[in-house]
Amino acid sequence: MTHEFPVRVYYEDTDMGGIVYHANYLRFIERARSDWVRRLGNDQNAMRDAGIIWVVQRIEADYLAPAKFEDELMVETEVEKLTGARLTMRQLVRRGETPLFKAVVTAVCVTAADGRPTRLPAEIRALI
C-alpha cells in the first residue's frame, strides 16, 4: 500500500535561488507520514493519552534533484518493515515522474512519560 500526499512549494520553502531548502524536505515527508497515520485511523492524540508516542529514530536521505518555487510535488509513503516497536518506511518526493528526494525513515514507539521503547499496541499494528 502506497500513500500519496500532495505538496505545493511556497516561497517560504525556498532559498534565495528559488530552490527548496534541504531541511524542508523533512517537513514534507513528516506531513505525509502524519496524514498517512491519520487516514489509517490511528488517533495519535488517543495514543499519547494512553502513554505511547512515535518518535523518529533514524532518517537516511538522498537528494536527487531540486524542487523549485511553485512546483507541485507528490510524497509517497510505503511501509518497508514493521516489528513490535519499530516501523520503517520508504518515502519519495517527486515532481511528476521525476524523483527529487528519497528517504528511509525509522520510527519507534516510546512511553510518553520517560521515552523508553515500548511495543506498538496490537490494534495499531493491525491498522498498518
N, C-alpha and C. Protein backbone atom coordinates (compact mmCIF):
# COMPACT_ATOMS: atom_id res chain seq x y z
N MET A 1 0.84 -1.18 0.00
CA MET A 1 0.00 0.00 0.00
C MET A 1 0.89 1.25 0.00
N THR A 2 0.65 2.14 -0.95
CA THR A 2 1.39 3.39 -1.03
C THR A 2 0.44 4.54 -0.76
N HIS A 3 0.82 5.39 0.16
CA HIS A 3 0.04 6.59 0.47
C HIS A 3 0.65 7.75 -0.30
N GLU A 4 -0.19 8.57 -0.92
CA GLU A 4 0.29 9.74 -1.65
C GLU A 4 -0.24 11.00 -0.99
N PHE A 5 0.64 12.00 -0.90
CA PHE A 5 0.31 13.26 -0.24
C PHE A 5 0.85 14.41 -1.10
N PRO A 6 -0.04 15.29 -1.60
CA PRO A 6 0.42 16.39 -2.44
C PRO A 6 1.00 17.54 -1.62
N VAL A 7 2.03 18.18 -2.19
CA VAL A 7 2.67 19.34 -1.56
C VAL A 7 2.94 20.37 -2.65
N ARG A 8 2.60 21.61 -2.37
CA ARG A 8 2.97 22.71 -3.26
C ARG A 8 4.13 23.45 -2.62
N VAL A 9 5.11 23.83 -3.41
CA VAL A 9 6.26 24.56 -2.90
C VAL A 9 5.91 26.05 -2.85
N TYR A 10 5.96 26.60 -1.65
CA TYR A 10 5.71 28.03 -1.45
C TYR A 10 7.03 28.78 -1.33
N TYR A 11 6.96 30.06 -1.45
CA TYR A 11 8.15 30.90 -1.38
C TYR A 11 8.92 30.64 -0.08
N GLU A 12 8.19 30.46 1.01
CA GLU A 12 8.83 30.24 2.32
C GLU A 12 9.62 28.93 2.38
N ASP A 13 9.37 28.02 1.44
CA ASP A 13 10.08 26.74 1.40
C ASP A 13 11.42 26.82 0.69
N THR A 14 11.69 27.97 0.06
CA THR A 14 12.86 28.06 -0.82
C THR A 14 13.96 28.95 -0.26
N ASP A 15 15.14 28.81 -0.87
CA ASP A 15 16.26 29.68 -0.56
C ASP A 15 16.22 30.88 -1.51
N MET A 16 17.24 31.69 -1.51
CA MET A 16 17.26 32.89 -2.34
C MET A 16 17.22 32.58 -3.84
N GLY A 17 17.63 31.38 -4.20
CA GLY A 17 17.62 31.00 -5.60
C GLY A 17 16.31 30.37 -6.06
N GLY A 18 15.32 30.30 -5.16
CA GLY A 18 14.05 29.69 -5.52
C GLY A 18 14.06 28.18 -5.48
N ILE A 19 15.09 27.59 -4.87
CA ILE A 19 15.24 26.14 -4.74
C ILE A 19 14.79 25.74 -3.32
N VAL A 20 14.09 24.62 -3.22
CA VAL A 20 13.64 24.17 -1.89
C VAL A 20 14.86 23.96 -1.00
N TYR A 21 14.81 24.58 0.17
CA TYR A 21 15.86 24.44 1.18
C TYR A 21 15.87 22.99 1.67
N HIS A 22 17.05 22.42 1.80
CA HIS A 22 17.19 20.99 2.06
C HIS A 22 16.38 20.48 3.25
N ALA A 23 16.33 21.23 4.34
CA ALA A 23 15.63 20.77 5.54
C ALA A 23 14.12 20.69 5.34
N ASN A 24 13.59 21.42 4.38
CA ASN A 24 12.15 21.42 4.17
C ASN A 24 11.63 20.10 3.60
N TYR A 25 12.50 19.32 2.98
CA TYR A 25 12.06 18.00 2.54
C TYR A 25 11.65 17.15 3.74
N LEU A 26 12.34 17.35 4.87
CA LEU A 26 11.97 16.61 6.09
C LEU A 26 10.58 17.02 6.56
N ARG A 27 10.25 18.30 6.41
CA ARG A 27 8.89 18.76 6.76
C ARG A 27 7.85 18.12 5.84
N PHE A 28 8.17 18.07 4.55
CA PHE A 28 7.23 17.49 3.58
C PHE A 28 6.95 16.03 3.90
N ILE A 29 8.00 15.25 4.19
CA ILE A 29 7.78 13.83 4.46
C ILE A 29 7.12 13.61 5.82
N GLU A 30 7.37 14.51 6.78
CA GLU A 30 6.69 14.41 8.08
C GLU A 30 5.19 14.63 7.91
N ARG A 31 4.82 15.64 7.14
CA ARG A 31 3.39 15.90 6.88
C ARG A 31 2.74 14.69 6.23
N ALA A 32 3.45 14.09 5.28
CA ALA A 32 2.91 12.92 4.59
C ALA A 32 2.72 11.75 5.55
N ARG A 33 3.70 11.52 6.43
CA ARG A 33 3.56 10.43 7.41
C ARG A 33 2.40 10.70 8.35
N SER A 34 2.26 11.93 8.82
CA SER A 34 1.16 12.28 9.72
C SER A 34 -0.19 12.07 9.04
N ASP A 35 -0.29 12.46 7.78
CA ASP A 35 -1.53 12.27 7.03
C ASP A 35 -1.83 10.79 6.84
N TRP A 36 -0.80 10.01 6.54
CA TRP A 36 -0.96 8.57 6.35
C TRP A 36 -1.48 7.91 7.63
N VAL A 37 -0.87 8.24 8.77
CA VAL A 37 -1.28 7.66 10.05
C VAL A 37 -2.73 8.04 10.36
N ARG A 38 -3.08 9.29 10.12
CA ARG A 38 -4.45 9.76 10.37
C ARG A 38 -5.44 9.01 9.49
N ARG A 39 -5.11 8.83 8.21
CA ARG A 39 -6.01 8.14 7.29
C ARG A 39 -6.15 6.65 7.61
N LEU A 40 -5.13 6.08 8.24
CA LEU A 40 -5.23 4.69 8.69
C LEU A 40 -6.24 4.53 9.81
N GLY A 41 -6.50 5.62 10.51
CA GLY A 41 -7.40 5.56 11.65
C GLY A 41 -6.68 5.55 12.98
N ASN A 42 -5.39 5.85 12.97
CA ASN A 42 -4.61 5.91 14.20
C ASN A 42 -4.73 7.30 14.79
N ASP A 43 -5.44 7.42 15.89
CA ASP A 43 -5.60 8.70 16.58
C ASP A 43 -4.36 8.91 17.47
N GLN A 44 -3.44 9.75 17.00
CA GLN A 44 -2.19 9.94 17.75
C GLN A 44 -2.43 10.63 19.09
N ASN A 45 -3.48 11.45 19.19
CA ASN A 45 -3.80 12.06 20.49
C ASN A 45 -4.24 11.00 21.49
N ALA A 46 -5.07 10.06 21.04
CA ALA A 46 -5.51 8.97 21.92
C ALA A 46 -4.33 8.08 22.29
N MET A 47 -3.44 7.86 21.34
CA MET A 47 -2.26 7.05 21.61
C MET A 47 -1.40 7.72 22.68
N ARG A 48 -1.21 9.05 22.55
CA ARG A 48 -0.43 9.79 23.55
C ARG A 48 -1.14 9.74 24.91
N ASP A 49 -2.47 9.89 24.90
CA ASP A 49 -3.23 9.82 26.16
C ASP A 49 -3.07 8.46 26.83
N ALA A 50 -2.84 7.42 26.01
CA ALA A 50 -2.62 6.07 26.54
C ALA A 50 -1.16 5.87 26.96
N GLY A 51 -0.33 6.91 26.76
CA GLY A 51 1.05 6.86 27.24
C GLY A 51 2.09 6.42 26.22
N ILE A 52 1.71 6.38 24.93
CA ILE A 52 2.65 5.93 23.89
C ILE A 52 2.72 6.99 22.78
N ILE A 53 3.94 7.27 22.33
CA ILE A 53 4.12 8.21 21.23
C ILE A 53 5.12 7.63 20.21
N TRP A 54 5.03 8.15 18.99
CA TRP A 54 6.00 7.83 17.95
C TRP A 54 7.14 8.83 18.00
N VAL A 55 8.36 8.37 17.79
CA VAL A 55 9.49 9.27 17.60
C VAL A 55 10.32 8.74 16.43
N VAL A 56 10.91 9.66 15.68
CA VAL A 56 11.79 9.26 14.59
C VAL A 56 13.13 8.90 15.19
N GLN A 57 13.60 7.71 14.89
CA GLN A 57 14.89 7.23 15.39
C GLN A 57 16.00 7.46 14.37
N ARG A 58 15.65 7.33 13.09
CA ARG A 58 16.69 7.40 12.05
C ARG A 58 16.07 7.85 10.73
N ILE A 59 16.82 8.67 10.01
CA ILE A 59 16.45 9.05 8.64
C ILE A 59 17.70 8.93 7.78
N GLU A 60 17.55 8.18 6.71
CA GLU A 60 18.59 8.08 5.69
C GLU A 60 18.03 8.79 4.46
N ALA A 61 18.68 9.86 4.00
CA ALA A 61 18.10 10.69 2.94
C ALA A 61 19.05 10.89 1.78
N ASP A 62 18.47 10.96 0.59
CA ASP A 62 19.22 11.25 -0.63
C ASP A 62 18.50 12.36 -1.40
N TYR A 63 19.25 13.39 -1.73
CA TYR A 63 18.73 14.49 -2.53
C TYR A 63 19.11 14.19 -3.98
N LEU A 64 18.10 14.06 -4.84
CA LEU A 64 18.33 13.60 -6.21
C LEU A 64 18.26 14.72 -7.25
N ALA A 65 17.36 15.68 -7.04
CA ALA A 65 17.19 16.80 -7.97
C ALA A 65 16.46 17.90 -7.22
N PRO A 66 16.61 19.16 -7.62
CA PRO A 66 15.98 20.25 -6.88
C PRO A 66 14.49 20.43 -7.20
N ALA A 67 13.75 20.80 -6.18
CA ALA A 67 12.38 21.29 -6.37
C ALA A 67 12.45 22.80 -6.31
N LYS A 68 11.51 23.45 -6.98
CA LYS A 68 11.55 24.91 -7.09
C LYS A 68 10.22 25.54 -6.70
N PHE A 69 10.28 26.83 -6.46
CA PHE A 69 9.11 27.62 -6.12
C PHE A 69 7.97 27.33 -7.10
N GLU A 70 6.77 27.08 -6.53
CA GLU A 70 5.53 26.80 -7.26
C GLU A 70 5.43 25.38 -7.81
N ASP A 71 6.44 24.53 -7.60
CA ASP A 71 6.32 23.14 -8.04
C ASP A 71 5.20 22.45 -7.28
N GLU A 72 4.52 21.54 -7.96
CA GLU A 72 3.54 20.67 -7.31
C GLU A 72 4.21 19.31 -7.17
N LEU A 73 4.36 18.88 -5.93
CA LEU A 73 5.08 17.65 -5.62
C LEU A 73 4.12 16.60 -5.09
N MET A 74 4.58 15.36 -5.12
CA MET A 74 3.84 14.27 -4.51
C MET A 74 4.80 13.52 -3.59
N VAL A 75 4.36 13.27 -2.37
CA VAL A 75 5.15 12.49 -1.42
C VAL A 75 4.49 11.11 -1.30
N GLU A 76 5.26 10.09 -1.60
CA GLU A 76 4.78 8.71 -1.48
C GLU A 76 5.38 8.10 -0.22
N THR A 77 4.54 7.40 0.53
CA THR A 77 4.98 6.71 1.75
C THR A 77 4.58 5.25 1.64
N GLU A 78 5.52 4.38 1.94
CA GLU A 78 5.28 2.96 1.85
C GLU A 78 5.97 2.25 3.02
N VAL A 79 5.28 1.33 3.66
CA VAL A 79 5.87 0.56 4.76
C VAL A 79 6.89 -0.42 4.20
N GLU A 80 8.07 -0.40 4.81
CA GLU A 80 9.09 -1.37 4.44
C GLU A 80 9.11 -2.53 5.44
N LYS A 81 9.00 -2.19 6.74
CA LYS A 81 9.08 -3.22 7.76
C LYS A 81 8.38 -2.75 9.03
N LEU A 82 7.70 -3.68 9.68
CA LEU A 82 7.03 -3.41 10.95
C LEU A 82 7.42 -4.50 11.93
N THR A 83 7.95 -4.08 13.09
CA THR A 83 8.27 -5.03 14.15
C THR A 83 7.46 -4.64 15.38
N GLY A 84 7.76 -5.22 16.50
CA GLY A 84 7.00 -4.96 17.72
C GLY A 84 6.92 -3.51 18.13
N ALA A 85 8.02 -2.77 17.99
CA ALA A 85 8.05 -1.38 18.43
C ALA A 85 8.57 -0.44 17.34
N ARG A 86 8.92 -0.97 16.18
CA ARG A 86 9.60 -0.16 15.16
C ARG A 86 8.87 -0.26 13.82
N LEU A 87 8.80 0.89 13.14
CA LEU A 87 8.21 0.97 11.81
C LEU A 87 9.20 1.65 10.88
N THR A 88 9.55 0.96 9.79
CA THR A 88 10.45 1.53 8.79
C THR A 88 9.66 1.79 7.52
N MET A 89 9.78 3.03 7.01
CA MET A 89 9.05 3.45 5.83
C MET A 89 10.01 3.99 4.77
N ARG A 90 9.64 3.80 3.52
CA ARG A 90 10.34 4.43 2.41
C ARG A 90 9.47 5.59 1.96
N GLN A 91 10.11 6.74 1.75
CA GLN A 91 9.37 7.91 1.28
C GLN A 91 10.08 8.50 0.08
N LEU A 92 9.28 8.94 -0.87
CA LEU A 92 9.79 9.51 -2.11
C LEU A 92 9.05 10.80 -2.39
N VAL A 93 9.79 11.86 -2.68
CA VAL A 93 9.20 13.12 -3.13
C VAL A 93 9.50 13.22 -4.61
N ARG A 94 8.45 13.43 -5.40
CA ARG A 94 8.65 13.53 -6.84
C ARG A 94 7.86 14.71 -7.41
N ARG A 95 8.33 15.17 -8.54
CA ARG A 95 7.61 16.17 -9.34
C ARG A 95 7.25 15.46 -10.62
N GLY A 96 5.95 15.19 -10.81
CA GLY A 96 5.56 14.34 -11.93
C GLY A 96 6.17 12.98 -11.74
N GLU A 97 6.91 12.52 -12.72
CA GLU A 97 7.59 11.22 -12.63
C GLU A 97 9.04 11.36 -12.19
N THR A 98 9.50 12.60 -11.95
CA THR A 98 10.90 12.84 -11.61
C THR A 98 11.13 12.73 -10.11
N PRO A 99 11.92 11.76 -9.65
CA PRO A 99 12.22 11.68 -8.22
C PRO A 99 13.19 12.80 -7.81
N LEU A 100 12.86 13.47 -6.69
CA LEU A 100 13.67 14.58 -6.22
C LEU A 100 14.39 14.27 -4.92
N PHE A 101 13.75 13.49 -4.06
CA PHE A 101 14.27 13.23 -2.72
C PHE A 101 13.72 11.88 -2.29
N LYS A 102 14.58 11.07 -1.67
CA LYS A 102 14.09 9.81 -1.12
C LYS A 102 14.67 9.62 0.26
N ALA A 103 13.90 8.93 1.09
CA ALA A 103 14.33 8.72 2.47
C ALA A 103 13.82 7.38 2.97
N VAL A 104 14.60 6.80 3.87
CA VAL A 104 14.15 5.65 4.65
C VAL A 104 14.07 6.16 6.08
N VAL A 105 12.86 6.09 6.64
CA VAL A 105 12.59 6.65 7.97
C VAL A 105 12.22 5.52 8.92
N THR A 106 12.90 5.49 10.07
CA THR A 106 12.57 4.52 11.11
C THR A 106 11.97 5.28 12.29
N ALA A 107 10.75 4.91 12.64
CA ALA A 107 10.06 5.49 13.79
C ALA A 107 9.87 4.38 14.83
N VAL A 108 9.97 4.75 16.08
CA VAL A 108 9.78 3.78 17.17
C VAL A 108 8.72 4.30 18.13
N CYS A 109 8.09 3.37 18.81
CA CYS A 109 7.14 3.71 19.87
C CYS A 109 7.90 3.80 21.18
N VAL A 110 7.61 4.85 21.92
CA VAL A 110 8.21 5.03 23.24
C VAL A 110 7.12 5.44 24.21
N THR A 111 7.41 5.27 25.49
CA THR A 111 6.47 5.73 26.51
C THR A 111 6.55 7.25 26.59
N ALA A 112 5.40 7.88 26.70
CA ALA A 112 5.35 9.34 26.75
C ALA A 112 5.99 9.87 28.03
N ALA A 113 5.92 9.11 29.10
CA ALA A 113 6.43 9.57 30.39
C ALA A 113 7.95 9.65 30.45
N ASP A 114 8.63 8.63 29.90
CA ASP A 114 10.08 8.61 30.06
C ASP A 114 10.87 8.29 28.79
N GLY A 115 10.16 8.14 27.67
CA GLY A 115 10.85 7.93 26.40
C GLY A 115 11.49 6.56 26.23
N ARG A 116 11.05 5.59 26.99
CA ARG A 116 11.60 4.24 26.86
C ARG A 116 10.87 3.48 25.75
N PRO A 117 11.59 2.66 24.99
CA PRO A 117 10.94 1.87 23.93
C PRO A 117 9.82 1.01 24.49
N THR A 118 8.76 0.89 23.72
CA THR A 118 7.62 0.07 24.12
C THR A 118 7.00 -0.55 22.88
N ARG A 119 6.25 -1.61 23.09
CA ARG A 119 5.61 -2.29 21.96
C ARG A 119 4.45 -1.46 21.43
N LEU A 120 4.28 -1.53 20.13
CA LEU A 120 3.15 -0.90 19.46
C LEU A 120 1.90 -1.68 19.81
N PRO A 121 0.83 -0.99 20.23
CA PRO A 121 -0.42 -1.72 20.55
C PRO A 121 -0.91 -2.55 19.36
N ALA A 122 -1.49 -3.72 19.67
CA ALA A 122 -1.94 -4.66 18.64
C ALA A 122 -2.93 -4.01 17.68
N GLU A 123 -3.81 -3.16 18.19
CA GLU A 123 -4.82 -2.55 17.31
C GLU A 123 -4.18 -1.59 16.29
N ILE A 124 -3.07 -0.96 16.68
CA ILE A 124 -2.35 -0.08 15.76
C ILE A 124 -1.60 -0.93 14.73
N ARG A 125 -0.98 -2.01 15.18
CA ARG A 125 -0.27 -2.92 14.26
C ARG A 125 -1.24 -3.45 13.21
N ALA A 126 -2.48 -3.75 13.62
CA ALA A 126 -3.48 -4.25 12.69
C ALA A 126 -3.83 -3.22 11.61
N LEU A 127 -3.84 -1.95 11.98
CA LEU A 127 -4.13 -0.88 11.01
C LEU A 127 -3.05 -0.78 9.95
N ILE A 128 -1.80 -0.97 10.39
CA ILE A 128 -0.66 -0.82 9.49
C ILE A 128 -0.52 -2.06 8.63
